Amino acid sequence: MVNVDRPNGFRPVKTMSGAPWYGAIRSLGVADGADIFVGDPVSLSSGLAAVSATNDTAFLGVAVGFGKINSFSQTTSDPFNAADLTTRFYDDSANTHTDWVVFYVPVDDVIFEAQTATALTKLVGETMDIVTPGAGSVTTGISGAEITTSTNADVTVIEIPKYPDNDSTLVWGRYWVMFTRAEQAFHA
């Protein structure tokens, strides 16, 4: 059976420890220079969240929402744009980055689901790379990031989900992965 092409970036699925991943959501200011979509991996850049690139030294987390900072109270809204509920991503060209935060799930302990960009035959424990972060759908706000062959070992295969419509050996196969290099800046 042919797989369906439905990239969603990196979608949190579960944790290695069994703790709920949604309890770990954090927020951080957004760096200037690129759109960020739900499901994009983000890294720390000058104290702000920026879209990750393959072979980043460390990955901070995966974007799950965006909020605007209230200039009067200096508080952050919930993970949505209160001024425009149809906008589900951070649009760098339309926003001032100092007014926004990204809500993210830290990559420590969290397993994410992603689809492949090419036909691969990967086993549990093997590595893959991320490709095309920051290129998502402006309609849905969902990331277009995928995984592909490994030269930088960005993620490690943890499990191959057993969905009826998933043939992991074909293009657009789905894998459960963990990031190999987590940002340690916020650890005590």
N, C-alpha and C. Protein backbone atom coordinates (compact mmCIF):
# COMPACT_ATOMS: atom_id res chain seq x y z
N MET A 1 0.84 -1.18 0.00
CA MET A 1 0.00 0.00 0.00
C MET A 1 0.89 1.25 0.00
N VAL A 2 0.50 2.22 -0.78
CA VAL A 2 1.24 3.47 -0.88
C VAL A 2 0.92 4.35 0.33
N ASN A 3 1.95 4.96 0.92
CA ASN A 3 1.76 5.87 2.04
C ASN A 3 1.18 7.20 1.57
N VAL A 4 0.48 7.89 2.44
CA VAL A 4 -0.09 9.20 2.15
C VAL A 4 0.93 10.26 2.53
N ASP A 5 1.10 11.27 1.66
CA ASP A 5 2.01 12.37 1.94
C ASP A 5 1.30 13.40 2.82
N ARG A 6 1.54 13.34 4.13
CA ARG A 6 0.95 14.29 5.08
C ARG A 6 2.00 14.70 6.11
N PRO A 7 2.96 15.51 5.69
CA PRO A 7 3.99 15.93 6.64
C PRO A 7 3.37 16.73 7.78
N ASN A 8 3.86 16.49 8.98
CA ASN A 8 3.38 17.25 10.14
C ASN A 8 4.56 17.71 10.98
N GLY A 9 5.76 17.71 10.38
CA GLY A 9 6.93 18.06 11.16
C GLY A 9 7.17 16.98 12.18
N PHE A 10 7.45 17.39 13.40
CA PHE A 10 7.67 16.45 14.48
C PHE A 10 6.51 16.59 15.46
N ARG A 11 5.72 15.55 15.55
CA ARG A 11 4.54 15.56 16.42
C ARG A 11 4.84 14.76 17.68
N PRO A 12 4.72 15.37 18.89
CA PRO A 12 4.99 14.62 20.11
C PRO A 12 4.01 13.45 20.24
N VAL A 13 4.54 12.28 20.59
CA VAL A 13 3.71 11.08 20.70
C VAL A 13 3.65 10.59 22.15
N LYS A 14 4.81 10.44 22.76
CA LYS A 14 4.89 9.95 24.13
C LYS A 14 6.29 10.21 24.66
N THR A 15 6.53 9.81 25.90
CA THR A 15 7.85 9.99 26.49
C THR A 15 8.45 8.64 26.84
N MET A 16 9.76 8.61 26.97
CA MET A 16 10.44 7.39 27.39
C MET A 16 10.11 7.07 28.85
N SER A 17 9.92 8.10 29.67
CA SER A 17 9.67 7.90 31.10
C SER A 17 8.22 7.55 31.42
N GLY A 18 7.31 7.80 30.49
CA GLY A 18 5.90 7.59 30.74
C GLY A 18 5.17 8.82 31.23
N ALA A 19 5.91 9.89 31.51
CA ALA A 19 5.30 11.15 31.95
C ALA A 19 4.57 11.80 30.77
N PRO A 20 3.54 12.59 31.02
CA PRO A 20 2.84 13.25 29.91
C PRO A 20 3.71 14.34 29.28
N TRP A 21 3.85 14.33 27.97
CA TRP A 21 4.70 15.31 27.30
C TRP A 21 4.12 16.71 27.41
N TYR A 22 2.79 16.86 27.46
CA TYR A 22 2.17 18.19 27.49
C TYR A 22 2.43 18.91 28.81
N GLY A 23 2.87 18.19 29.83
CA GLY A 23 3.22 18.83 31.09
C GLY A 23 4.56 19.54 31.04
N ALA A 24 5.32 19.30 29.98
CA ALA A 24 6.66 19.88 29.86
C ALA A 24 6.71 21.11 28.96
N ILE A 25 5.57 21.56 28.43
CA ILE A 25 5.56 22.68 27.48
C ILE A 25 6.12 23.93 28.14
N ARG A 26 7.02 24.60 27.41
CA ARG A 26 7.65 25.83 27.89
C ARG A 26 7.51 26.90 26.81
N SER A 27 7.84 28.14 27.14
CA SER A 27 7.81 29.21 26.14
C SER A 27 9.12 29.98 26.17
N LEU A 28 9.44 30.57 25.04
CA LEU A 28 10.67 31.33 24.87
C LEU A 28 10.45 32.33 23.75
N GLY A 29 11.12 33.49 23.84
CA GLY A 29 11.03 34.48 22.78
C GLY A 29 11.47 33.93 21.44
N VAL A 30 10.99 34.55 20.38
CA VAL A 30 11.26 34.10 19.02
C VAL A 30 12.40 34.92 18.41
N ALA A 31 13.34 34.24 17.77
CA ALA A 31 14.43 34.92 17.07
C ALA A 31 13.92 35.49 15.76
N ASP A 32 14.59 36.51 15.28
CA ASP A 32 14.24 37.16 14.03
C ASP A 32 14.81 36.38 12.85
N GLY A 33 14.10 36.37 11.73
CA GLY A 33 14.70 35.87 10.50
C GLY A 33 14.04 34.71 9.82
N ALA A 34 13.08 34.02 10.43
CA ALA A 34 12.46 32.87 9.75
C ALA A 34 11.08 32.59 10.32
N ASP A 35 10.19 32.09 9.45
CA ASP A 35 8.89 31.62 9.91
C ASP A 35 9.11 30.36 10.74
N ILE A 36 8.22 30.13 11.70
CA ILE A 36 8.26 28.91 12.50
C ILE A 36 6.86 28.32 12.48
N PHE A 37 6.77 27.03 12.19
CA PHE A 37 5.49 26.34 12.09
C PHE A 37 5.35 25.32 13.21
N VAL A 38 4.11 24.94 13.52
CA VAL A 38 3.86 23.91 14.52
C VAL A 38 4.48 22.61 14.01
N GLY A 39 5.38 22.04 14.82
CA GLY A 39 6.08 20.82 14.43
C GLY A 39 7.52 21.05 14.00
N ASP A 40 7.92 22.32 13.88
CA ASP A 40 9.31 22.63 13.53
C ASP A 40 10.21 22.42 14.74
N PRO A 41 11.37 21.79 14.54
CA PRO A 41 12.35 21.75 15.63
C PRO A 41 12.98 23.14 15.79
N VAL A 42 13.20 23.54 17.04
CA VAL A 42 13.80 24.84 17.31
C VAL A 42 15.07 24.66 18.14
N SER A 43 15.99 25.60 17.95
CA SER A 43 17.25 25.62 18.69
C SER A 43 17.38 26.97 19.39
N LEU A 44 18.31 27.05 20.30
CA LEU A 44 18.57 28.28 21.04
C LEU A 44 19.56 29.13 20.25
N SER A 45 19.19 30.39 20.00
CA SER A 45 20.05 31.31 19.26
C SER A 45 20.02 32.66 19.97
N SER A 46 21.12 33.01 20.62
CA SER A 46 21.22 34.27 21.38
C SER A 46 20.08 34.41 22.39
N GLY A 47 19.74 33.32 23.05
CA GLY A 47 18.70 33.34 24.07
C GLY A 47 17.28 33.29 23.55
N LEU A 48 17.11 33.09 22.24
CA LEU A 48 15.78 33.03 21.64
C LEU A 48 15.63 31.74 20.84
N ALA A 49 14.39 31.37 20.55
CA ALA A 49 14.12 30.16 19.76
C ALA A 49 14.20 30.47 18.28
N ALA A 50 14.97 29.68 17.55
CA ALA A 50 15.11 29.82 16.10
C ALA A 50 14.90 28.47 15.45
N VAL A 51 14.48 28.47 14.20
CA VAL A 51 14.28 27.22 13.47
C VAL A 51 15.60 26.48 13.40
N SER A 52 15.56 25.20 13.71
CA SER A 52 16.77 24.38 13.68
C SER A 52 17.15 24.01 12.26
N ALA A 53 18.40 23.74 12.09
CA ALA A 53 18.91 23.22 10.83
C ALA A 53 19.50 21.84 11.10
N THR A 54 19.59 21.03 10.06
CA THR A 54 20.22 19.74 10.22
C THR A 54 21.65 19.96 10.71
N ASN A 55 22.11 19.11 11.57
CA ASN A 55 23.44 19.18 12.16
C ASN A 55 23.60 20.35 13.13
N ASP A 56 22.49 20.84 13.71
CA ASP A 56 22.63 21.83 14.77
C ASP A 56 23.36 21.16 15.94
N THR A 57 24.08 21.95 16.69
CA THR A 57 24.82 21.38 17.81
C THR A 57 23.89 20.80 18.87
N ALA A 58 22.71 21.40 19.03
CA ALA A 58 21.74 20.88 19.99
C ALA A 58 20.35 21.39 19.62
N PHE A 59 19.35 20.57 19.90
CA PHE A 59 17.96 20.93 19.63
C PHE A 59 17.27 21.25 20.94
N LEU A 60 16.57 22.37 20.99
CA LEU A 60 15.88 22.81 22.19
C LEU A 60 14.54 22.10 22.34
N GLY A 61 13.73 22.13 21.30
CA GLY A 61 12.41 21.53 21.38
C GLY A 61 11.71 21.57 20.04
N VAL A 62 10.41 21.27 20.09
CA VAL A 62 9.57 21.29 18.89
C VAL A 62 8.40 22.23 19.16
N ALA A 63 8.17 23.16 18.23
CA ALA A 63 7.12 24.16 18.37
C ALA A 63 5.73 23.52 18.40
N VAL A 64 4.91 23.93 19.38
CA VAL A 64 3.53 23.45 19.46
C VAL A 64 2.52 24.59 19.46
N GLY A 65 2.98 25.83 19.47
CA GLY A 65 2.09 26.98 19.44
C GLY A 65 2.86 28.28 19.59
N PHE A 66 2.14 29.39 19.45
CA PHE A 66 2.76 30.71 19.49
C PHE A 66 1.84 31.66 20.24
N GLY A 67 2.42 32.60 20.94
CA GLY A 67 1.62 33.57 21.69
C GLY A 67 2.21 34.96 21.58
N LYS A 68 1.35 35.93 21.71
CA LYS A 68 1.77 37.33 21.64
C LYS A 68 1.95 37.86 23.06
N ILE A 69 2.96 38.66 23.27
CA ILE A 69 3.23 39.27 24.57
C ILE A 69 2.40 40.53 24.71
N ASN A 70 1.68 40.64 25.81
CA ASN A 70 0.89 41.82 26.10
C ASN A 70 1.85 42.91 26.55
N SER A 71 1.97 43.98 25.79
CA SER A 71 2.95 45.02 26.09
C SER A 71 2.65 45.76 27.39
N PHE A 72 1.39 45.77 27.81
CA PHE A 72 1.03 46.47 29.05
C PHE A 72 1.40 45.63 30.28
N SER A 73 0.98 44.36 30.31
CA SER A 73 1.21 43.53 31.50
C SER A 73 2.46 42.66 31.40
N GLN A 74 3.07 42.62 30.22
CA GLN A 74 4.24 41.78 29.96
C GLN A 74 3.96 40.29 30.21
N THR A 75 2.70 39.88 30.01
CA THR A 75 2.33 38.48 30.10
C THR A 75 2.14 37.92 28.70
N THR A 76 2.14 36.62 28.61
CA THR A 76 1.99 35.96 27.32
C THR A 76 0.61 35.36 27.19
N SER A 77 0.05 35.48 26.00
CA SER A 77 -1.24 34.85 25.75
C SER A 77 -1.07 33.34 25.70
N ASP A 78 -2.18 32.65 25.63
CA ASP A 78 -2.12 31.20 25.42
C ASP A 78 -1.51 30.94 24.04
N PRO A 79 -1.23 29.65 23.72
CA PRO A 79 -0.55 29.36 22.45
C PRO A 79 -1.43 29.54 21.21
N PHE A 80 -1.86 30.77 20.99
CA PHE A 80 -2.58 31.13 19.77
C PHE A 80 -2.47 32.64 19.60
N ASN A 81 -2.79 33.12 18.41
CA ASN A 81 -2.76 34.55 18.12
C ASN A 81 -4.14 35.11 18.39
N ALA A 82 -4.32 35.77 19.52
CA ALA A 82 -5.63 36.29 19.91
C ALA A 82 -6.18 37.30 18.90
N ALA A 83 -5.31 38.02 18.20
CA ALA A 83 -5.74 39.02 17.24
C ALA A 83 -6.22 38.39 15.93
N ASP A 84 -5.76 37.18 15.62
CA ASP A 84 -6.13 36.51 14.38
C ASP A 84 -6.09 35.00 14.61
N LEU A 85 -7.22 34.42 14.95
CA LEU A 85 -7.27 33.00 15.29
C LEU A 85 -7.01 32.09 14.09
N THR A 86 -7.02 32.65 12.88
CA THR A 86 -6.74 31.82 11.71
C THR A 86 -5.25 31.62 11.48
N THR A 87 -4.40 32.42 12.12
CA THR A 87 -2.95 32.30 11.97
C THR A 87 -2.42 31.31 12.99
N ARG A 88 -1.85 30.19 12.49
CA ARG A 88 -1.38 29.14 13.39
C ARG A 88 0.13 28.99 13.38
N PHE A 89 0.84 29.93 12.80
CA PHE A 89 2.30 29.86 12.76
C PHE A 89 2.87 31.24 13.01
N TYR A 90 4.17 31.29 13.28
CA TYR A 90 4.82 32.58 13.47
C TYR A 90 5.29 33.06 12.10
N ASP A 91 4.68 34.13 11.62
CA ASP A 91 4.99 34.71 10.31
C ASP A 91 6.01 35.84 10.52
N ASP A 92 7.26 35.55 10.22
CA ASP A 92 8.33 36.51 10.48
C ASP A 92 8.16 37.80 9.69
N SER A 93 7.61 37.73 8.48
CA SER A 93 7.49 38.93 7.65
C SER A 93 6.36 39.84 8.13
N ALA A 94 5.40 39.30 8.87
CA ALA A 94 4.25 40.09 9.30
C ALA A 94 4.30 40.51 10.77
N ASN A 95 5.28 40.01 11.50
CA ASN A 95 5.32 40.25 12.95
C ASN A 95 6.66 40.80 13.40
N THR A 96 6.62 41.47 14.53
CA THR A 96 7.84 41.90 15.19
C THR A 96 8.22 40.82 16.17
N HIS A 97 9.38 40.21 15.99
CA HIS A 97 9.72 39.03 16.79
C HIS A 97 9.77 39.30 18.28
N THR A 98 10.02 40.53 18.70
CA THR A 98 10.09 40.82 20.13
C THR A 98 8.72 40.80 20.80
N ASP A 99 7.65 40.73 20.03
CA ASP A 99 6.30 40.68 20.57
C ASP A 99 5.77 39.26 20.72
N TRP A 100 6.57 38.26 20.37
CA TRP A 100 6.08 36.88 20.29
C TRP A 100 6.92 35.90 21.09
N VAL A 101 6.28 34.80 21.49
CA VAL A 101 6.98 33.66 22.07
C VAL A 101 6.53 32.41 21.33
N VAL A 102 7.38 31.41 21.37
CA VAL A 102 7.02 30.10 20.84
C VAL A 102 6.83 29.16 22.04
N PHE A 103 5.76 28.40 22.02
CA PHE A 103 5.55 27.35 23.01
C PHE A 103 6.15 26.08 22.41
N TYR A 104 6.96 25.39 23.18
CA TYR A 104 7.65 24.23 22.63
C TYR A 104 7.68 23.09 23.64
N VAL A 105 7.81 21.88 23.11
CA VAL A 105 8.01 20.68 23.93
C VAL A 105 9.51 20.41 23.90
N PRO A 106 10.19 20.41 25.05
CA PRO A 106 11.63 20.10 25.05
C PRO A 106 11.88 18.70 24.48
N VAL A 107 13.00 18.54 23.80
CA VAL A 107 13.28 17.25 23.17
C VAL A 107 13.77 16.20 24.15
N ASP A 108 14.16 16.61 25.36
CA ASP A 108 14.55 15.63 26.37
C ASP A 108 13.41 14.67 26.65
N ASP A 109 13.64 13.39 26.57
CA ASP A 109 12.71 12.35 26.98
C ASP A 109 11.50 12.17 26.06
N VAL A 110 11.26 13.06 25.08
CA VAL A 110 10.05 13.00 24.26
C VAL A 110 10.32 12.27 22.95
N ILE A 111 9.36 11.42 22.57
CA ILE A 111 9.40 10.71 21.30
C ILE A 111 8.46 11.43 20.34
N PHE A 112 8.94 11.69 19.12
CA PHE A 112 8.17 12.41 18.12
C PHE A 112 7.91 11.53 16.90
N GLU A 113 6.79 11.78 16.24
CA GLU A 113 6.50 11.09 14.98
C GLU A 113 6.82 12.02 13.82
N ALA A 114 7.46 11.47 12.80
CA ALA A 114 7.78 12.24 11.59
C ALA A 114 7.70 11.31 10.39
N GLN A 115 7.51 11.90 9.22
CA GLN A 115 7.47 11.10 8.00
C GLN A 115 8.76 11.27 7.21
N THR A 116 9.07 10.28 6.40
CA THR A 116 10.29 10.32 5.60
C THR A 116 10.07 11.09 4.31
N ALA A 117 11.13 11.68 3.82
CA ALA A 117 11.10 12.38 2.54
C ALA A 117 11.44 11.45 1.38
N THR A 118 12.05 10.32 1.70
CA THR A 118 12.46 9.33 0.69
C THR A 118 12.15 7.93 1.22
N ALA A 119 12.23 6.95 0.34
CA ALA A 119 12.05 5.56 0.76
C ALA A 119 13.28 5.14 1.57
N LEU A 120 13.07 4.66 2.77
CA LEU A 120 14.16 4.25 3.65
C LEU A 120 13.84 2.89 4.26
N THR A 121 14.87 2.20 4.64
CA THR A 121 14.70 0.97 5.41
C THR A 121 15.52 1.14 6.67
N LYS A 122 14.91 1.70 7.69
CA LYS A 122 15.61 1.98 8.94
C LYS A 122 15.10 1.05 10.03
N LEU A 123 16.00 0.71 10.93
CA LEU A 123 15.67 -0.14 12.07
C LEU A 123 15.78 0.67 13.35
N VAL A 124 15.19 0.17 14.42
CA VAL A 124 15.28 0.81 15.72
C VAL A 124 16.75 0.97 16.09
N GLY A 125 17.13 2.17 16.52
CA GLY A 125 18.51 2.47 16.90
C GLY A 125 19.31 3.15 15.80
N GLU A 126 18.82 3.14 14.57
CA GLU A 126 19.54 3.81 13.49
C GLU A 126 19.18 5.30 13.47
N THR A 127 20.02 6.09 12.83
CA THR A 127 19.85 7.55 12.84
C THR A 127 19.37 8.07 11.50
N MET A 128 18.77 9.27 11.55
CA MET A 128 18.29 9.98 10.36
C MET A 128 18.53 11.47 10.57
N ASP A 129 18.35 12.24 9.51
CA ASP A 129 18.50 13.69 9.55
C ASP A 129 17.16 14.37 9.34
N ILE A 130 17.04 15.60 9.85
CA ILE A 130 15.87 16.41 9.55
C ILE A 130 16.11 17.14 8.24
N VAL A 131 15.01 17.46 7.54
CA VAL A 131 15.10 18.19 6.28
C VAL A 131 13.90 19.13 6.18
N THR A 132 14.10 20.29 5.63
CA THR A 132 13.13 21.36 5.35
C THR A 132 12.41 21.95 6.56
N PRO A 133 13.04 22.12 7.73
CA PRO A 133 12.33 22.85 8.78
C PRO A 133 12.16 24.31 8.37
N GLY A 134 11.09 24.93 8.84
CA GLY A 134 10.82 26.32 8.48
C GLY A 134 10.05 26.46 7.18
N ALA A 135 9.75 25.34 6.53
CA ALA A 135 8.96 25.37 5.30
C ALA A 135 7.67 24.61 5.56
N GLY A 136 6.67 25.33 6.01
CA GLY A 136 5.40 24.69 6.34
C GLY A 136 4.27 25.27 5.54
N SER A 137 3.05 24.90 5.91
CA SER A 137 1.86 25.37 5.23
C SER A 137 1.34 26.65 5.89
N VAL A 138 1.23 27.72 5.12
CA VAL A 138 0.70 28.96 5.66
C VAL A 138 -0.81 28.86 5.86
N THR A 139 -1.44 27.85 5.29
CA THR A 139 -2.87 27.64 5.46
C THR A 139 -3.16 26.92 6.78
N THR A 140 -2.46 25.82 7.03
CA THR A 140 -2.71 25.03 8.23
C THR A 140 -1.79 25.40 9.38
N GLY A 141 -0.64 25.99 9.10
CA GLY A 141 0.34 26.31 10.13
C GLY A 141 1.19 25.12 10.53
N ILE A 142 1.08 24.01 9.82
CA ILE A 142 1.80 22.78 10.15
C ILE A 142 3.13 22.73 9.39
N SER A 143 4.14 22.27 10.08
CA SER A 143 5.49 22.16 9.53
C SER A 143 5.56 21.18 8.37
N GLY A 144 6.48 21.44 7.47
CA GLY A 144 6.76 20.52 6.37
C GLY A 144 8.03 19.73 6.61
N ALA A 145 8.60 19.83 7.80
CA ALA A 145 9.85 19.13 8.11
C ALA A 145 9.63 17.62 8.03
N GLU A 146 10.64 16.94 7.50
CA GLU A 146 10.60 15.49 7.36
C GLU A 146 11.94 14.92 7.79
N ILE A 147 12.08 13.61 7.71
CA ILE A 147 13.35 12.95 8.01
C ILE A 147 13.84 12.24 6.77
N THR A 148 15.16 12.08 6.69
CA THR A 148 15.77 11.48 5.50
C THR A 148 17.02 10.71 5.92
N THR A 149 17.80 10.28 4.93
CA THR A 149 19.01 9.51 5.20
C THR A 149 19.91 10.23 6.18
N SER A 150 20.81 9.50 6.79
CA SER A 150 21.60 10.07 7.87
C SER A 150 23.04 10.35 7.48
N THR A 151 23.43 11.61 7.64
CA THR A 151 24.84 11.97 7.61
C THR A 151 25.20 12.74 8.88
N ASN A 152 24.19 13.38 9.50
CA ASN A 152 24.43 14.19 10.69
C ASN A 152 23.85 13.57 11.96
N ALA A 153 23.07 12.52 11.84
CA ALA A 153 22.48 11.82 13.00
C ALA A 153 21.68 12.77 13.89
N ASP A 154 20.71 13.48 13.31
CA ASP A 154 19.87 14.41 14.08
C ASP A 154 18.90 13.68 15.00
N VAL A 155 18.33 12.57 14.51
CA VAL A 155 17.35 11.81 15.29
C VAL A 155 17.69 10.33 15.24
N THR A 156 17.19 9.59 16.25
CA THR A 156 17.38 8.15 16.33
C THR A 156 16.02 7.48 16.31
N VAL A 157 15.89 6.41 15.54
CA VAL A 157 14.63 5.66 15.47
C VAL A 157 14.41 4.94 16.80
N ILE A 158 13.26 5.17 17.41
CA ILE A 158 12.88 4.54 18.66
C ILE A 158 11.88 3.42 18.41
N GLU A 159 10.97 3.65 17.46
CA GLU A 159 9.93 2.67 17.17
C GLU A 159 9.37 2.94 15.77
N ILE A 160 8.85 1.90 15.14
CA ILE A 160 8.16 2.05 13.86
C ILE A 160 6.68 1.83 14.15
N PRO A 161 5.85 2.88 14.04
CA PRO A 161 4.44 2.72 14.39
C PRO A 161 3.75 1.72 13.46
N LYS A 162 2.89 0.93 14.03
CA LYS A 162 2.19 -0.11 13.28
C LYS A 162 0.80 0.38 12.90
N TYR A 163 0.76 1.31 11.96
CA TYR A 163 -0.51 1.80 11.43
C TYR A 163 -0.85 0.97 10.19
N PRO A 164 -2.12 0.74 9.91
CA PRO A 164 -2.48 -0.03 8.71
C PRO A 164 -2.01 0.64 7.42
N ASP A 165 -1.90 1.98 7.43
CA ASP A 165 -1.50 2.70 6.22
C ASP A 165 -0.05 3.17 6.27
N ASN A 166 0.82 2.48 7.04
CA ASN A 166 2.22 2.88 7.15
C ASN A 166 3.14 1.74 6.71
N ASP A 167 3.78 1.93 5.57
CA ASP A 167 4.85 1.02 5.15
C ASP A 167 6.15 1.82 5.29
N SER A 168 6.88 1.55 6.35
CA SER A 168 8.05 2.37 6.68
C SER A 168 9.17 2.23 5.66
N THR A 169 9.09 1.30 4.74
CA THR A 169 10.14 1.13 3.73
C THR A 169 9.87 1.95 2.47
N LEU A 170 8.70 2.57 2.39
CA LEU A 170 8.34 3.39 1.22
C LEU A 170 8.46 4.87 1.55
N VAL A 171 8.46 5.70 0.52
CA VAL A 171 8.47 7.15 0.72
C VAL A 171 7.25 7.53 1.56
N TRP A 172 7.41 8.51 2.42
CA TRP A 172 6.40 9.02 3.34
C TRP A 172 6.06 8.04 4.46
N GLY A 173 6.98 7.12 4.73
CA GLY A 173 6.80 6.22 5.87
C GLY A 173 6.92 7.01 7.16
N ARG A 174 6.31 6.50 8.22
CA ARG A 174 6.32 7.20 9.49
C ARG A 174 7.16 6.44 10.51
N TYR A 175 7.94 7.22 11.28
CA TYR A 175 8.82 6.67 12.32
C TYR A 175 8.61 7.45 13.60
N TRP A 176 8.84 6.80 14.73
CA TRP A 176 8.90 7.49 16.02
C TRP A 176 10.37 7.65 16.36
N VAL A 177 10.78 8.89 16.62
CA VAL A 177 12.19 9.21 16.79
C VAL A 177 12.42 10.09 18.02
N MET A 178 13.68 10.12 18.46
CA MET A 178 14.12 11.06 19.50
C MET A 178 15.31 11.84 18.94
N PHE A 179 15.42 13.10 19.33
CA PHE A 179 16.56 13.91 18.91
C PHE A 179 17.80 13.43 19.64
N THR A 180 18.92 13.41 18.94
CA THR A 180 20.16 12.86 19.51
C THR A 180 20.91 13.87 20.37
N ARG A 181 20.72 15.16 20.11
CA ARG A 181 21.44 16.20 20.85
C ARG A 181 20.46 17.21 21.42
N ALA A 182 20.21 17.12 22.71
CA ALA A 182 19.29 18.05 23.38
C ALA A 182 20.05 19.23 23.95
N GLU A 183 19.46 20.40 23.86
CA GLU A 183 20.03 21.62 24.44
C GLU A 183 20.06 21.49 25.95
N GLN A 184 21.19 21.75 26.55
CA GLN A 184 21.36 21.61 27.99
C GLN A 184 21.39 22.96 28.71
N ALA A 185 21.07 24.04 28.04
CA ALA A 185 21.18 25.39 28.62
C ALA A 185 20.30 25.59 29.85
N PHE A 186 19.16 24.92 29.91
CA PHE A 186 18.22 25.15 30.99
C PHE A 186 18.29 24.07 32.06
N HIS A 187 19.28 23.23 32.02
CA HIS A 187 19.41 22.17 33.01
C HIS A 187 20.28 22.65 34.16
N ALA A 188 19.91 22.24 35.36
CA ALA A 188 20.68 22.64 36.54
C ALA A 188 21.90 21.75 36.70
